[in-house]
Amino acid sequence: MADQFPGGMLLTYEGLGHTAYGRSSACVTDAVDAYLTDLKPVRPDATC
């Protein structure tokens, strides 16, 4: 889906469940927070 949006990014979470933000490791939360607050992009093929 990320490929369908200009500038789209994908952060893959390897774990149980469908929602990782705020529920899983700091890896996901830190990456999302960095994007939302500083527009820091997720590196290609990023995995948590």
PDB file of N, CA and C in Angstrom:
ATOM      1  N   MET A   1       0.813  -1.180   0.000  1.00  0.00           N
ATOM      2  CA  MET A   1       0.000   0.000   0.000  1.00  0.00           C
ATOM      3  C   MET A   1       0.869   1.261   0.000  1.00  0.00           C
ATOM      4  N   ALA A   2       2.003   1.208   0.670  1.00  0.00           N
ATOM      5  CA  ALA A   2       2.873   2.382   0.731  1.00  0.00           C
ATOM      6  C   ALA A   2       3.302   2.824  -0.661  1.00  0.00           C
ATOM      7  N   ASP A   3       3.433   1.882  -1.595  1.00  0.00           N
ATOM      8  CA  ASP A   3       3.840   2.218  -2.965  1.00  0.00           C
ATOM      9  C   ASP A   3       2.772   3.004  -3.714  1.00  0.00           C
ATOM     10  N   GLN A   4       1.541   2.982  -3.247  1.00  0.00           N
ATOM     11  CA  GLN A   4       0.440   3.667  -3.928  1.00  0.00           C
ATOM     12  C   GLN A   4       0.350   5.142  -3.573  1.00  0.00           C
ATOM     13  N   PHE A   5       1.134   5.583  -2.590  1.00  0.00           N
ATOM     14  CA  PHE A   5       1.110   6.974  -2.161  1.00  0.00           C
ATOM     15  C   PHE A   5       2.460   7.623  -2.418  1.00  0.00           C
ATOM     16  N   PRO A   6       2.472   8.809  -3.025  1.00  0.00           N
ATOM     17  CA  PRO A   6       3.746   9.511  -3.194  1.00  0.00           C
ATOM     18  C   PRO A   6       4.380   9.759  -1.818  1.00  0.00           C
ATOM     19  N   GLY A   7       5.613   9.336  -1.666  1.00  0.00           N
ATOM     20  CA  GLY A   7       6.295   9.510  -0.388  1.00  0.00           C
ATOM     21  C   GLY A   7       5.867   8.506   0.665  1.00  0.00           C
ATOM     22  N   GLY A   8       5.099   7.481   0.281  1.00  0.00           N
ATOM     23  CA  GLY A   8       4.626   6.482   1.234  1.00  0.00           C
ATOM     24  C   GLY A   8       5.780   5.669   1.808  1.00  0.00           C
ATOM     25  N   MET A   9       5.636   5.259   3.060  1.00  0.00           N
ATOM     26  CA  MET A   9       6.658   4.470   3.749  1.00  0.00           C
ATOM     27  C   MET A   9       5.997   3.283   4.425  1.00  0.00           C
ATOM     28  N   LEU A  10       6.775   2.247   4.643  1.00  0.00           N
ATOM     29  CA  LEU A  10       6.276   1.053   5.306  1.00  0.00           C
ATOM     30  C   LEU A  10       7.196   0.694   6.454  1.00  0.00           C
ATOM     31  N   LEU A  11       6.615   0.510   7.625  1.00  0.00           N
ATOM     32  CA  LEU A  11       7.330   0.000   8.787  1.00  0.00           C
ATOM     33  C   LEU A  11       6.683  -1.335   9.124  1.00  0.00           C
ATOM     34  N   THR A  12       7.420  -2.416   8.978  1.00  0.00           N
ATOM     35  CA  THR A  12       6.888  -3.750   9.221  1.00  0.00           C
ATOM     36  C   THR A  12       7.079  -4.116  10.685  1.00  0.00           C
ATOM     37  N   TYR A  13       5.988  -4.558  11.310  1.00  0.00           N
ATOM     38  CA  TYR A  13       6.028  -5.020  12.696  1.00  0.00           C
ATOM     39  C   TYR A  13       5.925  -6.536  12.691  1.00  0.00           C
ATOM     40  N   GLU A  14       6.918  -7.192  13.231  1.00  0.00           N
ATOM     41  CA  GLU A  14       6.919  -8.653  13.313  1.00  0.00           C
ATOM     42  C   GLU A  14       6.453  -9.061  14.701  1.00  0.00           C
ATOM     43  N   GLY A  15       5.169  -9.267  14.826  1.00  0.00           N
ATOM     44  CA  GLY A  15       4.592  -9.635  16.111  1.00  0.00           C
ATOM     45  C   GLY A  15       3.127  -9.965  15.946  1.00  0.00           C
ATOM     46  N   LEU A  16       2.456 -10.190  17.040  1.00  0.00           N
ATOM     47  CA  LEU A  16       1.044 -10.544  17.019  1.00  0.00           C
ATOM     48  C   LEU A  16       0.169  -9.300  17.007  1.00  0.00           C
ATOM     49  N   GLY A  17      -0.969  -9.409  16.345  1.00  0.00           N
ATOM     50  CA  GLY A  17      -1.940  -8.327  16.338  1.00  0.00           C
ATOM     51  C   GLY A  17      -1.854  -7.476  15.089  1.00  0.00           C
ATOM     52  N   HIS A  18      -2.821  -6.577  14.958  1.00  0.00           N
ATOM     53  CA  HIS A  18      -2.923  -5.723  13.776  1.00  0.00           C
ATOM     54  C   HIS A  18      -2.478  -4.293  14.053  1.00  0.00           C
ATOM     55  N   THR A  19      -2.427  -3.915  15.294  1.00  0.00           N
ATOM     56  CA  THR A  19      -2.044  -2.555  15.656  1.00  0.00           C
ATOM     57  C   THR A  19      -0.823  -2.619  16.558  1.00  0.00           C
ATOM     58  N   ALA A  20       0.243  -1.949  16.174  1.00  0.00           N
ATOM     59  CA  ALA A  20       1.471  -2.021  16.955  1.00  0.00           C
ATOM     60  C   ALA A  20       1.767  -0.723  17.704  1.00  0.00           C
ATOM     61  N   TYR A  21       1.309   0.409  17.172  1.00  0.00           N
ATOM     62  CA  TYR A  21       1.642   1.692  17.790  1.00  0.00           C
ATOM     63  C   TYR A  21       1.012   1.790  19.190  1.00  0.00           C
ATOM     64  N   GLY A  22       1.844   2.051  20.156  1.00  0.00           N
ATOM     65  CA  GLY A  22       1.369   2.196  21.525  1.00  0.00           C
ATOM     66  C   GLY A  22       1.112   0.881  22.237  1.00  0.00           C
ATOM     67  N   ARG A  23       1.287  -0.234  21.558  1.00  0.00           N
ATOM     68  CA  ARG A  23       1.004  -1.542  22.148  1.00  0.00           C
ATOM     69  C   ARG A  23       2.188  -2.481  22.110  1.00  0.00           C
ATOM     70  N   SER A  24       3.178  -2.164  21.347  1.00  0.00           N
ATOM     71  CA  SER A  24       4.286  -3.102  21.164  1.00  0.00           C
ATOM     72  C   SER A  24       5.580  -2.498  21.678  1.00  0.00           C
ATOM     73  N   SER A  25       6.650  -2.769  20.981  1.00  0.00           N
ATOM     74  CA  SER A  25       7.974  -2.312  21.406  1.00  0.00           C
ATOM     75  C   SER A  25       8.169  -0.822  21.165  1.00  0.00           C
ATOM     76  N   ALA A  26       9.198  -0.307  21.775  1.00  0.00           N
ATOM     77  CA  ALA A  26       9.554   1.095  21.582  1.00  0.00           C
ATOM     78  C   ALA A  26       9.980   1.357  20.144  1.00  0.00           C
ATOM     79  N   CYS A  27      10.410   0.336  19.438  1.00  0.00           N
ATOM     80  CA  CYS A  27      10.835   0.487  18.041  1.00  0.00           C
ATOM     81  C   CYS A  27       9.731   1.116  17.195  1.00  0.00           C
ATOM     82  N   VAL A  28       8.534   0.589  17.299  1.00  0.00           N
ATOM     83  CA  VAL A  28       7.406   1.110  16.524  1.00  0.00           C
ATOM     84  C   VAL A  28       7.026   2.502  17.008  1.00  0.00           C
ATOM     85  N   THR A  29       6.851   2.640  18.309  1.00  0.00           N
ATOM     86  CA  THR A  29       6.439   3.927  18.868  1.00  0.00           C
ATOM     87  C   THR A  29       7.436   5.027  18.540  1.00  0.00           C
ATOM     88  N   ASP A  30       8.711   4.749  18.673  1.00  0.00           N
ATOM     89  CA  ASP A  30       9.739   5.755  18.382  1.00  0.00           C
ATOM     90  C   ASP A  30       9.737   6.151  16.910  1.00  0.00           C
ATOM     91  N   ALA A  31       9.586   5.185  16.022  1.00  0.00           N
ATOM     92  CA  ALA A  31       9.585   5.480  14.588  1.00  0.00           C
ATOM     93  C   ALA A  31       8.375   6.325  14.203  1.00  0.00           C
ATOM     94  N   VAL A  32       7.209   5.977  14.717  1.00  0.00           N
ATOM     95  CA  VAL A  32       5.991   6.736  14.401  1.00  0.00           C
ATOM     96  C   VAL A  32       6.062   8.133  15.005  1.00  0.00           C
ATOM     97  N   ASP A  33       6.466   8.232  16.255  1.00  0.00           N
ATOM     98  CA  ASP A  33       6.582   9.542  16.899  1.00  0.00           C
ATOM     99  C   ASP A  33       7.578  10.437  16.169  1.00  0.00           C
ATOM    100  N   ALA A  34       8.711   9.866  15.724  1.00  0.00           N
ATOM    101  CA  ALA A  34       9.712  10.657  14.997  1.00  0.00           C
ATOM    102  C   ALA A  34       9.145  11.193  13.694  1.00  0.00           C
ATOM    103  N   TYR A  35       8.297  10.408  13.046  1.00  0.00           N
ATOM    104  CA  TYR A  35       7.683  10.895  11.806  1.00  0.00           C
ATOM    105  C   TYR A  35       6.639  11.966  12.112  1.00  0.00           C
ATOM    106  N   LEU A  36       5.800  11.721  13.091  1.00  0.00           N
ATOM    107  CA  LEU A  36       4.719  12.663  13.387  1.00  0.00           C
ATOM    108  C   LEU A  36       5.221  13.992  13.939  1.00  0.00           C
ATOM    109  N   THR A  37       6.313  13.980  14.686  1.00  0.00           N
ATOM    110  CA  THR A  37       6.796  15.223  15.291  1.00  0.00           C
ATOM    111  C   THR A  37       7.873  15.929  14.479  1.00  0.00           C
ATOM    112  N   ASP A  38       8.726  15.150  13.785  1.00  0.00           N
ATOM    113  CA  ASP A  38       9.858  15.745  13.070  1.00  0.00           C
ATOM    114  C   ASP A  38       9.884  15.429  11.577  1.00  0.00           C
ATOM    115  N   LEU A  39       8.862  14.705  11.095  1.00  0.00           N
ATOM    116  CA  LEU A  39       8.792  14.257   9.695  1.00  0.00           C
ATOM    117  C   LEU A  39      10.017  13.438   9.289  1.00  0.00           C
ATOM    118  N   LYS A  40      10.591  12.717  10.254  1.00  0.00           N
ATOM    119  CA  LYS A  40      11.733  11.848   9.980  1.00  0.00           C
ATOM    120  C   LYS A  40      11.208  10.593   9.275  1.00  0.00           C
ATOM    121  N   PRO A  41      11.636  10.363   8.031  1.00  0.00           N
ATOM    122  CA  PRO A  41      11.113   9.198   7.299  1.00  0.00           C
ATOM    123  C   PRO A  41      11.627   7.875   7.854  1.00  0.00           C
ATOM    124  N   VAL A  42      10.830   6.856   7.647  1.00  0.00           N
ATOM    125  CA  VAL A  42      11.222   5.501   8.016  1.00  0.00           C
ATOM    126  C   VAL A  42      12.139   4.994   6.912  1.00  0.00           C
ATOM    127  N   ARG A  43      13.244   4.353   7.285  1.00  0.00           N
ATOM    128  CA  ARG A  43      14.171   3.857   6.274  1.00  0.00           C
ATOM    129  C   ARG A  43      13.513   2.732   5.469  1.00  0.00           C
ATOM    130  N   PRO A  44      13.888   2.572   4.229  1.00  0.00           N
ATOM    131  CA  PRO A  44      13.336   1.487   3.413  1.00  0.00           C
ATOM    132  C   PRO A  44      13.593   0.122   4.066  1.00  0.00           C
ATOM    133  N   ASP A  45      12.625  -0.745   3.995  1.00  0.00           N
ATOM    134  CA  ASP A  45      12.691  -2.091   4.559  1.00  0.00           C
ATOM    135  C   ASP A  45      12.841  -2.103   6.075  1.00  0.00           C
ATOM    136  N   ALA A  46      12.338  -1.065   6.730  1.00  0.00           N
ATOM    137  CA  ALA A  46      12.416  -0.998   8.194  1.00  0.00           C
ATOM    138  C   ALA A  46      11.531  -2.069   8.811  1.00  0.00           C
ATOM    139  N   THR A  47      12.056  -2.720   9.850  1.00  0.00           N
ATOM    140  CA  THR A  47      11.333  -3.779  10.537  1.00  0.00           C
ATOM    141  C   THR A  47      11.530  -3.633  12.043  1.00  0.00           C
ATOM    142  N   CYS A  48      10.471  -3.841  12.772  1.00  0.00           N
ATOM    143  CA  CYS A  48      10.535  -3.830  14.238  1.00  0.00           C
ATOM    144  C   CYS A  48      10.105  -5.192  14.753  1.00  0.00           C
TER     145      CYS A  48
END
